[in-house]
Amino acid sequence: MTQEAIQEIIRKQRNYFYTGATLNIDFRITALKKLQTSIQSHQEQINAALKSDLGKSSFESYMCESGLVLSEITYMLKHIRSYAKIKRRSAPLTQFPAKNFIIPEPYGMVLIMSP
């Protein structure tokens, strides 16, 4: 992959992020479920790659790599709605009658590359 191709992917991902599509909780849940399904459906290829690259057995590959990721995805799917709730915080008396809130939102995007 060339430097220009990587820069193009990053540009496209930033433009997509700035549309605000990733702010929706249902979008994030769908993305996590797609990742979970993809890992589960490609488990044999993941195991083969880890065997080839690192000499890990299928059991070790699942327990130390993909199983941990699947466990974290399951945890996030269970708790994502509570993590994304708007939380009210008290305002100092000097800022009366202000109302303060913490609104959890995605920070940005990530580029994951592998051979």
PDB file of N, CA and C in Angstrom:
ATOM      1  N   MET A   1       0.849  -1.168   0.000  1.00  0.00           N
ATOM      2  CA  MET A   1       0.000   0.000   0.000  1.00  0.00           C
ATOM      3  C   MET A   1       0.900   1.238   0.000  1.00  0.00           C
ATOM      4  N   THR A   2       0.617   2.157  -0.875  1.00  0.00           N
ATOM      5  CA  THR A   2       1.456   3.348  -0.995  1.00  0.00           C
ATOM      6  C   THR A   2       1.045   4.416   0.010  1.00  0.00           C
ATOM      7  N   GLN A   3       1.930   5.360   0.204  1.00  0.00           N
ATOM      8  CA  GLN A   3       1.656   6.482   1.110  1.00  0.00           C
ATOM      9  C   GLN A   3       0.440   7.272   0.633  1.00  0.00           C
ATOM     10  N   GLU A   4       0.307   7.441  -0.672  1.00  0.00           N
ATOM     11  CA  GLU A   4      -0.831   8.194  -1.228  1.00  0.00           C
ATOM     12  C   GLU A   4      -2.145   7.461  -0.972  1.00  0.00           C
ATOM     13  N   ALA A   5      -2.126   6.139  -1.101  1.00  0.00           N
ATOM     14  CA  ALA A   5      -3.340   5.348  -0.859  1.00  0.00           C
ATOM     15  C   ALA A   5      -3.759   5.447   0.608  1.00  0.00           C
ATOM     16  N   ILE A   6      -2.783   5.397   1.498  1.00  0.00           N
ATOM     17  CA  ILE A   6      -3.074   5.525   2.932  1.00  0.00           C
ATOM     18  C   ILE A   6      -3.666   6.898   3.226  1.00  0.00           C
ATOM     19  N   GLN A   7      -3.066   7.944   2.663  1.00  0.00           N
ATOM     20  CA  GLN A   7      -3.578   9.299   2.874  1.00  0.00           C
ATOM     21  C   GLN A   7      -5.000   9.449   2.342  1.00  0.00           C
ATOM     22  N   GLU A   8      -5.306   8.810   1.227  1.00  0.00           N
ATOM     23  CA  GLU A   8      -6.656   8.858   0.656  1.00  0.00           C
ATOM     24  C   GLU A   8      -7.667   8.172   1.575  1.00  0.00           C
ATOM     25  N   ILE A   9      -7.292   7.024   2.120  1.00  0.00           N
ATOM     26  CA  ILE A   9      -8.179   6.324   3.051  1.00  0.00           C
ATOM     27  C   ILE A   9      -8.440   7.186   4.281  1.00  0.00           C
ATOM     28  N   ILE A  10      -7.392   7.790   4.816  1.00  0.00           N
ATOM     29  CA  ILE A  10      -7.534   8.651   5.992  1.00  0.00           C
ATOM     30  C   ILE A  10      -8.441   9.833   5.678  1.00  0.00           C
ATOM     31  N   ARG A  11      -8.255  10.450   4.510  1.00  0.00           N
ATOM     32  CA  ARG A  11      -9.087  11.591   4.124  1.00  0.00           C
ATOM     33  C   ARG A  11     -10.556  11.189   4.039  1.00  0.00           C
ATOM     34  N   LYS A  12     -10.830  10.053   3.413  1.00  0.00           N
ATOM     35  CA  LYS A  12     -12.216   9.582   3.280  1.00  0.00           C
ATOM     36  C   LYS A  12     -12.832   9.280   4.647  1.00  0.00           C
ATOM     37  N   GLN A  13     -12.056   8.659   5.530  1.00  0.00           N
ATOM     38  CA  GLN A  13     -12.567   8.339   6.859  1.00  0.00           C
ATOM     39  C   GLN A  13     -12.848   9.607   7.673  1.00  0.00           C
ATOM     40  N   ARG A  14     -11.971  10.590   7.569  1.00  0.00           N
ATOM     41  CA  ARG A  14     -12.213  11.858   8.283  1.00  0.00           C
ATOM     42  C   ARG A  14     -13.471  12.545   7.767  1.00  0.00           C
ATOM     43  N   ASN A  15     -13.624  12.566   6.454  1.00  0.00           N
ATOM     44  CA  ASN A  15     -14.825  13.180   5.878  1.00  0.00           C
ATOM     45  C   ASN A  15     -16.079  12.471   6.359  1.00  0.00           C
ATOM     46  N   TYR A  16     -16.044  11.137   6.421  1.00  0.00           N
ATOM     47  CA  TYR A  16     -17.194  10.379   6.902  1.00  0.00           C
ATOM     48  C   TYR A  16     -17.455  10.682   8.371  1.00  0.00           C
ATOM     49  N   PHE A  17     -16.409  10.730   9.180  1.00  0.00           N
ATOM     50  CA  PHE A  17     -16.579  11.030  10.608  1.00  0.00           C
ATOM     51  C   PHE A  17     -17.221  12.405  10.791  1.00  0.00           C
ATOM     52  N   TYR A  18     -16.787  13.384  10.007  1.00  0.00           N
ATOM     53  CA  TYR A  18     -17.302  14.740  10.159  1.00  0.00           C
ATOM     54  C   TYR A  18     -18.762  14.883   9.712  1.00  0.00           C
ATOM     55  N   THR A  19     -19.331  13.867   9.053  1.00  0.00           N
ATOM     56  CA  THR A  19     -20.754  13.913   8.715  1.00  0.00           C
ATOM     57  C   THR A  19     -21.623  13.723   9.953  1.00  0.00           C
ATOM     58  N   GLY A  20     -21.040  13.182  11.028  1.00  0.00           N
ATOM     59  CA  GLY A  20     -21.791  12.957  12.261  1.00  0.00           C
ATOM     60  C   GLY A  20     -22.494  11.610  12.313  1.00  0.00           C
ATOM     61  N   ALA A  21     -22.271  10.759  11.331  1.00  0.00           N
ATOM     62  CA  ALA A  21     -22.951   9.463  11.282  1.00  0.00           C
ATOM     63  C   ALA A  21     -22.572   8.567  12.461  1.00  0.00           C
ATOM     64  N   THR A  22     -21.385   8.734  13.005  1.00  0.00           N
ATOM     65  CA  THR A  22     -20.925   7.862  14.087  1.00  0.00           C
ATOM     66  C   THR A  22     -21.430   8.295  15.462  1.00  0.00           C
ATOM     67  N   LEU A  23     -22.149   9.398  15.551  1.00  0.00           N
ATOM     68  CA  LEU A  23     -22.664   9.861  16.833  1.00  0.00           C
ATOM     69  C   LEU A  23     -23.842   9.025  17.325  1.00  0.00           C
ATOM     70  N   ASN A  24     -24.579   8.436  16.426  1.00  0.00           N
ATOM     71  CA  ASN A  24     -25.766   7.664  16.766  1.00  0.00           C
ATOM     72  C   ASN A  24     -25.367   6.370  17.481  1.00  0.00           C
ATOM     73  N   ILE A  25     -26.004   6.095  18.618  1.00  0.00           N
ATOM     74  CA  ILE A  25     -25.705   4.884  19.385  1.00  0.00           C
ATOM     75  C   ILE A  25     -26.024   3.633  18.572  1.00  0.00           C
ATOM     76  N   ASP A  26     -27.119   3.647  17.842  1.00  0.00           N
ATOM     77  CA  ASP A  26     -27.491   2.481  17.037  1.00  0.00           C
ATOM     78  C   ASP A  26     -26.439   2.188  15.967  1.00  0.00           C
ATOM     79  N   PHE A  27     -25.839   3.230  15.415  1.00  0.00           N
ATOM     80  CA  PHE A  27     -24.752   3.041  14.446  1.00  0.00           C
ATOM     81  C   PHE A  27     -23.575   2.330  15.106  1.00  0.00           C
ATOM     82  N   ARG A  28     -23.230   2.761  16.313  1.00  0.00           N
ATOM     83  CA  ARG A  28     -22.095   2.163  17.018  1.00  0.00           C
ATOM     84  C   ARG A  28     -22.376   0.708  17.382  1.00  0.00           C
ATOM     85  N   ILE A  29     -23.610   0.425  17.788  1.00  0.00           N
ATOM     86  CA  ILE A  29     -23.990  -0.954  18.106  1.00  0.00           C
ATOM     87  C   ILE A  29     -23.896  -1.825  16.860  1.00  0.00           C
ATOM     88  N   THR A  30     -24.399  -1.329  15.748  1.00  0.00           N
ATOM     89  CA  THR A  30     -24.333  -2.066  14.490  1.00  0.00           C
ATOM     90  C   THR A  30     -22.885  -2.333  14.087  1.00  0.00           C
ATOM     91  N   ALA A  31     -22.021  -1.339  14.243  1.00  0.00           N
ATOM     92  CA  ALA A  31     -20.604  -1.508  13.900  1.00  0.00           C
ATOM     93  C   ALA A  31     -19.943  -2.568  14.786  1.00  0.00           C
ATOM     94  N   LEU A  32     -20.253  -2.560  16.072  1.00  0.00           N
ATOM     95  CA  LEU A  32     -19.685  -3.560  16.973  1.00  0.00           C
ATOM     96  C   LEU A  32     -20.182  -4.962  16.618  1.00  0.00           C
ATOM     97  N   LYS A  33     -21.460  -5.076  16.290  1.00  0.00           N
ATOM     98  CA  LYS A  33     -22.014  -6.382  15.915  1.00  0.00           C
ATOM     99  C   LYS A  33     -21.397  -6.891  14.613  1.00  0.00           C
ATOM    100  N   LYS A  34     -21.149  -5.989  13.658  1.00  0.00           N
ATOM    101  CA  LYS A  34     -20.489  -6.382  12.409  1.00  0.00           C
ATOM    102  C   LYS A  34     -19.073  -6.869  12.686  1.00  0.00           C
ATOM    103  N   LEU A  35     -18.350  -6.178  13.551  1.00  0.00           N
ATOM    104  CA  LEU A  35     -16.993  -6.591  13.911  1.00  0.00           C
ATOM    105  C   LEU A  35     -17.020  -7.955  14.594  1.00  0.00           C
ATOM    106  N   GLN A  36     -17.967  -8.139  15.504  1.00  0.00           N
ATOM    107  CA  GLN A  36     -18.109  -9.409  16.209  1.00  0.00           C
ATOM    108  C   GLN A  36     -18.383 -10.552  15.226  1.00  0.00           C
ATOM    109  N   THR A  37     -19.302 -10.334  14.311  1.00  0.00           N
ATOM    110  CA  THR A  37     -19.640 -11.345  13.310  1.00  0.00           C
ATOM    111  C   THR A  37     -18.449 -11.647  12.412  1.00  0.00           C
ATOM    112  N   SER A  38     -17.729 -10.617  12.026  1.00  0.00           N
ATOM    113  CA  SER A  38     -16.568 -10.795  11.158  1.00  0.00           C
ATOM    114  C   SER A  38     -15.483 -11.622  11.843  1.00  0.00           C
ATOM    115  N   ILE A  39     -15.215 -11.331  13.089  1.00  0.00           N
ATOM    116  CA  ILE A  39     -14.207 -12.098  13.830  1.00  0.00           C
ATOM    117  C   ILE A  39     -14.646 -13.552  13.954  1.00  0.00           C
ATOM    118  N   GLN A  40     -15.907 -13.768  14.286  1.00  0.00           N
ATOM    119  CA  GLN A  40     -16.404 -15.134  14.442  1.00  0.00           C
ATOM    120  C   GLN A  40     -16.372 -15.909  13.124  1.00  0.00           C
ATOM    121  N   SER A  41     -16.735 -15.255  12.034  1.00  0.00           N
ATOM    122  CA  SER A  41     -16.778 -15.954  10.752  1.00  0.00           C
ATOM    123  C   SER A  41     -15.388 -16.191  10.152  1.00  0.00           C
ATOM    124  N   HIS A  42     -14.397 -15.426  10.586  1.00  0.00           N
ATOM    125  CA  HIS A  42     -13.038 -15.587  10.070  1.00  0.00           C
ATOM    126  C   HIS A  42     -12.089 -16.183  11.110  1.00  0.00           C
ATOM    127  N   GLN A  43     -12.637 -16.848  12.102  1.00  0.00           N
ATOM    128  CA  GLN A  43     -11.827 -17.378  13.197  1.00  0.00           C
ATOM    129  C   GLN A  43     -10.744 -18.334  12.701  1.00  0.00           C
ATOM    130  N   GLU A  44     -11.080 -19.177  11.727  1.00  0.00           N
ATOM    131  CA  GLU A  44     -10.085 -20.129  11.219  1.00  0.00           C
ATOM    132  C   GLU A  44      -8.925 -19.412  10.530  1.00  0.00           C
ATOM    133  N   GLN A  45      -9.223 -18.364   9.758  1.00  0.00           N
ATOM    134  CA  GLN A  45      -8.156 -17.607   9.090  1.00  0.00           C
ATOM    135  C   GLN A  45      -7.304 -16.854  10.117  1.00  0.00           C
ATOM    136  N   ILE A  46      -7.938 -16.334  11.157  1.00  0.00           N
ATOM    137  CA  ILE A  46      -7.199 -15.637  12.210  1.00  0.00           C
ATOM    138  C   ILE A  46      -6.264 -16.616  12.905  1.00  0.00           C
ATOM    139  N   ASN A  47      -6.785 -17.802  13.228  1.00  0.00           N
ATOM    140  CA  ASN A  47      -5.964 -18.826  13.876  1.00  0.00           C
ATOM    141  C   ASN A  47      -4.788 -19.225  12.994  1.00  0.00           C
ATOM    142  N   ALA A  48      -5.054 -19.402  11.699  1.00  0.00           N
ATOM    143  CA  ALA A  48      -3.987 -19.783  10.764  1.00  0.00           C
ATOM    144  C   ALA A  48      -2.915 -18.697  10.678  1.00  0.00           C
ATOM    145  N   ALA A  49      -3.328 -17.445  10.646  1.00  0.00           N
ATOM    146  CA  ALA A  49      -2.373 -16.336  10.574  1.00  0.00           C
ATOM    147  C   ALA A  49      -1.526 -16.261  11.842  1.00  0.00           C
ATOM    148  N   LEU A  50      -2.154 -16.441  12.995  1.00  0.00           N
ATOM    149  CA  LEU A  50      -1.406 -16.414  14.253  1.00  0.00           C
ATOM    150  C   LEU A  50      -0.470 -17.618  14.371  1.00  0.00           C
ATOM    151  N   LYS A  51      -0.878 -18.745  13.832  1.00  0.00           N
ATOM    152  CA  LYS A  51      -0.020 -19.938  13.810  1.00  0.00           C
ATOM    153  C   LYS A  51       1.197 -19.682  12.925  1.00  0.00           C
ATOM    154  N   SER A  52       0.942 -19.121  11.749  1.00  0.00           N
ATOM    155  CA  SER A  52       2.012 -18.851  10.787  1.00  0.00           C
ATOM    156  C   SER A  52       2.975 -17.772  11.287  1.00  0.00           C
ATOM    157  N   ASP A  53       2.443 -16.701  11.840  1.00  0.00           N
ATOM    158  CA  ASP A  53       3.283 -15.574  12.265  1.00  0.00           C
ATOM    159  C   ASP A  53       3.962 -15.794  13.612  1.00  0.00           C
ATOM    160  N   LEU A  54       3.191 -16.322  14.581  1.00  0.00           N
ATOM    161  CA  LEU A  54       3.691 -16.382  15.955  1.00  0.00           C
ATOM    162  C   LEU A  54       3.792 -17.790  16.516  1.00  0.00           C
ATOM    163  N   GLY A  55       3.340 -18.785  15.740  1.00  0.00           N
ATOM    164  CA  GLY A  55       3.406 -20.163  16.204  1.00  0.00           C
ATOM    165  C   GLY A  55       2.392 -20.496  17.278  1.00  0.00           C
ATOM    166  N   LYS A  56       1.297 -19.737  17.352  1.00  0.00           N
ATOM    167  CA  LYS A  56       0.277 -19.978  18.379  1.00  0.00           C
ATOM    168  C   LYS A  56      -0.668 -21.088  17.950  1.00  0.00           C
ATOM    169  N   SER A  57      -1.076 -21.906  18.904  1.00  0.00           N
ATOM    170  CA  SER A  57      -2.068 -22.940  18.627  1.00  0.00           C
ATOM    171  C   SER A  57      -3.444 -22.288  18.510  1.00  0.00           C
ATOM    172  N   SER A  58      -4.404 -23.032  17.997  1.00  0.00           N
ATOM    173  CA  SER A  58      -5.768 -22.494  17.857  1.00  0.00           C
ATOM    174  C   SER A  58      -6.342 -22.092  19.206  1.00  0.00           C
ATOM    175  N   PHE A  59      -6.101 -22.938  20.215  1.00  0.00           N
ATOM    176  CA  PHE A  59      -6.597 -22.639  21.554  1.00  0.00           C
ATOM    177  C   PHE A  59      -5.982 -21.350  22.087  1.00  0.00           C
ATOM    178  N   GLU A  60      -4.664 -21.238  21.963  1.00  0.00           N
ATOM    179  CA  GLU A  60      -3.967 -20.033  22.444  1.00  0.00           C
ATOM    180  C   GLU A  60      -4.395 -18.801  21.651  1.00  0.00           C
ATOM    181  N   SER A  61      -4.599 -18.953  20.348  1.00  0.00           N
ATOM    182  CA  SER A  61      -5.054 -17.836  19.515  1.00  0.00           C
ATOM    183  C   SER A  61      -6.400 -17.307  19.996  1.00  0.00           C
ATOM    184  N   TYR A  62      -7.295 -18.243  20.286  1.00  0.00           N
ATOM    185  CA  TYR A  62      -8.622 -17.812  20.740  1.00  0.00           C
ATOM    186  C   TYR A  62      -8.549 -17.202  22.131  1.00  0.00           C
ATOM    187  N   MET A  63      -7.866 -17.876  23.056  1.00  0.00           N
ATOM    188  CA  MET A  63      -7.828 -17.417  24.448  1.00  0.00           C
ATOM    189  C   MET A  63      -7.083 -16.087  24.619  1.00  0.00           C
ATOM    190  N   CYS A  64      -6.021 -15.886  23.858  1.00  0.00           N
ATOM    191  CA  CYS A  64      -5.173 -14.700  24.056  1.00  0.00           C
ATOM    192  C   CYS A  64      -5.432 -13.580  23.062  1.00  0.00           C
ATOM    193  N   GLU A  65      -6.118 -13.859  21.989  1.00  0.00           N
ATOM    194  CA  GLU A  65      -6.313 -12.837  20.952  1.00  0.00           C
ATOM    195  C   GLU A  65      -7.801 -12.592  20.682  1.00  0.00           C
ATOM    196  N   SER A  66      -8.390 -13.402  19.828  1.00  0.00           N
ATOM    197  CA  SER A  66      -9.756 -13.140  19.381  1.00  0.00           C
ATOM    198  C   SER A  66     -10.786 -13.317  20.489  1.00  0.00           C
ATOM    199  N   GLY A  67     -10.583 -14.256  21.387  1.00  0.00           N
ATOM    200  CA  GLY A  67     -11.533 -14.442  22.487  1.00  0.00           C
ATOM    201  C   GLY A  67     -11.618 -13.212  23.374  1.00  0.00           C
ATOM    202  N   LEU A  68     -10.485 -12.597  23.623  1.00  0.00           N
ATOM    203  CA  LEU A  68     -10.477 -11.375  24.438  1.00  0.00           C
ATOM    204  C   LEU A  68     -11.224 -10.235  23.748  1.00  0.00           C
ATOM    205  N   VAL A  69     -10.995 -10.109  22.450  1.00  0.00           N
ATOM    206  CA  VAL A  69     -11.679  -9.048  21.689  1.00  0.00           C
ATOM    207  C   VAL A  69     -13.179  -9.300  21.677  1.00  0.00           C
ATOM    208  N   LEU A  70     -13.588 -10.542  21.453  1.00  0.00           N
ATOM    209  CA  LEU A  70     -15.019 -10.874  21.450  1.00  0.00           C
ATOM    210  C   LEU A  70     -15.648 -10.616  22.818  1.00  0.00           C
ATOM    211  N   SER A  71     -14.906 -10.904  23.869  1.00  0.00           N
ATOM    212  CA  SER A  71     -15.385 -10.639  25.226  1.00  0.00           C
ATOM    213  C   SER A  71     -15.587  -9.137  25.455  1.00  0.00           C
ATOM    214  N   GLU A  72     -14.638  -8.335  25.001  1.00  0.00           N
ATOM    215  CA  GLU A  72     -14.753  -6.878  25.148  1.00  0.00           C
ATOM    216  C   GLU A  72     -15.918  -6.320  24.327  1.00  0.00           C
ATOM    217  N   ILE A  73     -16.116  -6.858  23.124  1.00  0.00           N
ATOM    218  CA  ILE A  73     -17.231  -6.411  22.287  1.00  0.00           C
ATOM    219  C   ILE A  73     -18.545  -6.729  22.977  1.00  0.00           C
ATOM    220  N   THR A  74     -18.675  -7.935  23.532  1.00  0.00           N
ATOM    221  CA  THR A  74     -19.890  -8.322  24.250  1.00  0.00           C
ATOM    222  C   THR A  74     -20.136  -7.394  25.425  1.00  0.00           C
ATOM    223  N   TYR A  75     -19.082  -7.077  26.165  1.00  0.00           N
ATOM    224  CA  TYR A  75     -19.201  -6.159  27.304  1.00  0.00           C
ATOM    225  C   TYR A  75     -19.674  -4.774  26.847  1.00  0.00           C
ATOM    226  N   MET A  76     -19.067  -4.268  25.774  1.00  0.00           N
ATOM    227  CA  MET A  76     -19.453  -2.951  25.272  1.00  0.00           C
ATOM    228  C   MET A  76     -20.896  -2.939  24.772  1.00  0.00           C
ATOM    229  N   LEU A  77     -21.312  -3.994  24.081  1.00  0.00           N
ATOM    230  CA  LEU A  77     -22.696  -4.061  23.606  1.00  0.00           C
ATOM    231  C   LEU A  77     -23.673  -4.039  24.778  1.00  0.00           C
ATOM    232  N   LYS A  78     -23.294  -4.659  25.875  1.00  0.00           N
ATOM    233  CA  LYS A  78     -24.158  -4.693  27.055  1.00  0.00           C
ATOM    234  C   LYS A  78     -24.240  -3.334  27.752  1.00  0.00           C
ATOM    235  N   HIS A  79     -23.154  -2.562  27.721  1.00  0.00           N
ATOM    236  CA  HIS A  79     -23.076  -1.327  28.500  1.00  0.00           C
ATOM    237  C   HIS A  79     -23.073  -0.035  27.679  1.00  0.00           C
ATOM    238  N   ILE A  80     -23.101  -0.124  26.373  1.00  0.00           N
ATOM    239  CA  ILE A  80     -22.902   1.072  25.545  1.00  0.00           C
ATOM    240  C   ILE A  80     -23.957   2.151  25.792  1.00  0.00           C
ATOM    241  N   ARG A  81     -25.187   1.749  25.987  1.00  0.00           N
ATOM    242  CA  ARG A  81     -26.238   2.761  26.202  1.00  0.00           C
ATOM    243  C   ARG A  81     -26.017   3.537  27.499  1.00  0.00           C
ATOM    244  N   SER A  82     -25.590   2.861  28.554  1.00  0.00           N
ATOM    245  CA  SER A  82     -25.349   3.580  29.812  1.00  0.00           C
ATOM    246  C   SER A  82     -24.105   4.463  29.704  1.00  0.00           C
ATOM    247  N   TYR A  83     -23.098   4.011  28.947  1.00  0.00           N
ATOM    248  CA  TYR A  83     -21.900   4.832  28.755  1.00  0.00           C
ATOM    249  C   TYR A  83     -22.197   6.089  27.952  1.00  0.00           C
ATOM    250  N   ALA A  84     -23.171   6.017  27.054  1.00  0.00           N
ATOM    251  CA  ALA A  84     -23.457   7.131  26.156  1.00  0.00           C
ATOM    252  C   ALA A  84     -24.493   8.104  26.717  1.00  0.00           C
ATOM    253  N   LYS A  85     -25.049   7.820  27.886  1.00  0.00           N
ATOM    254  CA  LYS A  85     -26.057   8.713  28.463  1.00  0.00           C
ATOM    255  C   LYS A  85     -25.455  10.067  28.827  1.00  0.00           C
ATOM    256  N   ILE A  86     -26.255  11.085  28.667  1.00  0.00           N
ATOM    257  CA  ILE A  86     -25.849  12.429  29.076  1.00  0.00           C
ATOM    258  C   ILE A  86     -25.888  12.481  30.601  1.00  0.00           C
ATOM    259  N   LYS A  87     -24.811  12.960  31.193  1.00  0.00           N
ATOM    260  CA  LYS A  87     -24.723  13.028  32.650  1.00  0.00           C
ATOM    261  C   LYS A  87     -24.767  14.479  33.104  1.00  0.00           C
ATOM    262  N   ARG A  88     -25.652  14.770  34.013  1.00  0.00           N
ATOM    263  CA  ARG A  88     -25.792  16.118  34.525  1.00  0.00           C
ATOM    264  C   ARG A  88     -24.787  16.351  35.654  1.00  0.00           C
ATOM    265  N   ARG A  89     -24.180  17.524  35.646  1.00  0.00           N
ATOM    266  CA  ARG A  89     -23.243  17.924  36.687  1.00  0.00           C
ATOM    267  C   ARG A  89     -23.680  19.276  37.240  1.00  0.00           C
ATOM    268  N   SER A  90     -23.420  19.471  38.513  1.00  0.00           N
ATOM    269  CA  SER A  90     -23.818  20.741  39.123  1.00  0.00           C
ATOM    270  C   SER A  90     -22.885  21.862  38.669  1.00  0.00           C
ATOM    271  N   ALA A  91     -23.461  23.042  38.575  1.00  0.00           N
ATOM    272  CA  ALA A  91     -22.689  24.235  38.182  1.00  0.00           C
ATOM    273  C   ALA A  91     -22.310  25.009  39.439  1.00  0.00           C
ATOM    274  N   PRO A  92     -21.172  25.688  39.398  1.00  0.00           N
ATOM    275  CA  PRO A  92     -20.808  26.521  40.548  1.00  0.00           C
ATOM    276  C   PRO A  92     -21.824  27.650  40.747  1.00  0.00           C
ATOM    277  N   LEU A  93     -21.952  28.110  41.961  1.00  0.00           N
ATOM    278  CA  LEU A  93     -22.904  29.177  42.287  1.00  0.00           C
ATOM    279  C   LEU A  93     -22.625  30.437  41.468  1.00  0.00           C
ATOM    280  N   THR A  94     -21.363  30.676  41.123  1.00  0.00           N
ATOM    281  CA  THR A  94     -21.000  31.872  40.360  1.00  0.00           C
ATOM    282  C   THR A  94     -21.552  31.837  38.936  1.00  0.00           C
ATOM    283  N   GLN A  95     -21.948  30.662  38.470  1.00  0.00           N
ATOM    284  CA  GLN A  95     -22.481  30.536  37.115  1.00  0.00           C
ATOM    285  C   GLN A  95     -23.987  30.301  37.106  1.00  0.00           C
ATOM    286  N   PHE A  96     -24.665  30.613  38.215  1.00  0.00           N
ATOM    287  CA  PHE A  96     -26.112  30.467  38.298  1.00  0.00           C
ATOM    288  C   PHE A  96     -26.760  31.284  37.196  1.00  0.00           C
ATOM    289  N   PRO A  97     -27.704  30.820  36.497  1.00  0.00           N
ATOM    290  CA  PRO A  97     -28.492  29.591  36.542  1.00  0.00           C
ATOM    291  C   PRO A  97     -28.035  28.556  35.508  1.00  0.00           C
ATOM    292  N   ALA A  98     -26.747  28.420  35.307  1.00  0.00           N
ATOM    293  CA  ALA A  98     -26.224  27.506  34.288  1.00  0.00           C
ATOM    294  C   ALA A  98     -26.555  26.051  34.617  1.00  0.00           C
ATOM    295  N   LYS A  99     -26.606  25.246  33.561  1.00  0.00           N
ATOM    296  CA  LYS A  99     -26.776  23.799  33.697  1.00  0.00           C
ATOM    297  C   LYS A  99     -25.598  23.151  32.988  1.00  0.00           C
ATOM    298  N   ASN A 100     -24.936  22.232  33.660  1.00  0.00           N
ATOM    299  CA  ASN A 100     -23.772  21.558  33.087  1.00  0.00           C
ATOM    300  C   ASN A 100     -24.091  20.102  32.774  1.00  0.00           C
ATOM    301  N   PHE A 101     -23.550  19.639  31.655  1.00  0.00           N
ATOM    302  CA  PHE A 101     -23.752  18.262  31.232  1.00  0.00           C
ATOM    303  C   PHE A 101     -22.450  17.706  30.680  1.00  0.00           C
ATOM    304  N   ILE A 102     -22.285  16.407  30.817  1.00  0.00           N
ATOM    305  CA  ILE A 102     -21.214  15.695  30.133  1.00  0.00           C
ATOM    306  C   ILE A 102     -21.896  14.869  29.059  1.00  0.00           C
ATOM    307  N   ILE A 103     -21.478  15.087  27.812  1.00  0.00           N
ATOM    308  CA  ILE A 103     -22.069  14.379  26.681  1.00  0.00           C
ATOM    309  C   ILE A 103     -20.979  13.528  26.040  1.00  0.00           C
ATOM    310  N   PRO A 104     -20.985  12.201  26.309  1.00  0.00           N
ATOM    311  CA  PRO A 104     -19.969  11.330  25.703  1.00  0.00           C
ATOM    312  C   PRO A 104     -20.153  11.244  24.185  1.00  0.00           C
ATOM    313  N   GLU A 105     -19.062  11.452  23.445  1.00  0.00           N
ATOM    314  CA  GLU A 105     -19.091  11.391  21.982  1.00  0.00           C
ATOM    315  C   GLU A 105     -17.797  10.764  21.478  1.00  0.00           C
ATOM    316  N   PRO A 106     -17.826  10.154  20.284  1.00  0.00           N
ATOM    317  CA  PRO A 106     -16.583   9.618  19.701  1.00  0.00           C
ATOM    318  C   PRO A 106     -15.589  10.747  19.439  1.00  0.00           C
ATOM    319  N   TYR A 107     -14.306  10.456  19.665  1.00  0.00           N
ATOM    320  CA  TYR A 107     -13.260  11.453  19.442  1.00  0.00           C
ATOM    321  C   TYR A 107     -12.871  11.598  17.983  1.00  0.00           C
ATOM    322  N   GLY A 108     -12.884  10.517  17.247  1.00  0.00           N
ATOM    323  CA  GLY A 108     -12.392  10.598  15.887  1.00  0.00           C
ATOM    324  C   GLY A 108     -12.338   9.234  15.235  1.00  0.00           C
ATOM    325  N   MET A 109     -11.298   9.022  14.445  1.00  0.00           N
ATOM    326  CA  MET A 109     -11.180   7.790  13.678  1.00  0.00           C
ATOM    327  C   MET A 109      -9.826   7.151  13.914  1.00  0.00           C
ATOM    328  N   VAL A 110      -9.729   5.872  13.524  1.00  0.00           N
ATOM    329  CA  VAL A 110      -8.507   5.111  13.698  1.00  0.00           C
ATOM    330  C   VAL A 110      -8.214   4.372  12.398  1.00  0.00           C
ATOM    331  N   LEU A 111      -6.956   4.344  11.996  1.00  0.00           N
ATOM    332  CA  LEU A 111      -6.543   3.559  10.840  1.00  0.00           C
ATOM    333  C   LEU A 111      -5.759   2.366  11.360  1.00  0.00           C
ATOM    334  N   ILE A 112      -6.267   1.159  11.108  1.00  0.00           N
ATOM    335  CA  ILE A 112      -5.592  -0.052  11.517  1.00  0.00           C
ATOM    336  C   ILE A 112      -5.039  -0.711  10.264  1.00  0.00           C
ATOM    337  N   MET A 113      -3.733  -0.944  10.262  1.00  0.00           N
ATOM    338  CA  MET A 113      -3.084  -1.547   9.084  1.00  0.00           C
ATOM    339  C   MET A 113      -2.430  -2.859   9.496  1.00  0.00           C
ATOM    340  N   SER A 114      -2.485  -3.809   8.620  1.00  0.00           N
ATOM    341  CA  SER A 114      -1.796  -5.074   8.851  1.00  0.00           C
ATOM    342  C   SER A 114      -1.303  -5.607   7.505  1.00  0.00           C
ATOM    343  N   PRO A 115      -0.290  -6.452   7.547  1.00  0.00           N
ATOM    344  CA  PRO A 115       0.246  -6.984   6.274  1.00  0.00           C
ATOM    345  C   PRO A 115      -0.739  -7.921   5.599  1.00  0.00           C
TER     346      PRO A 115
END
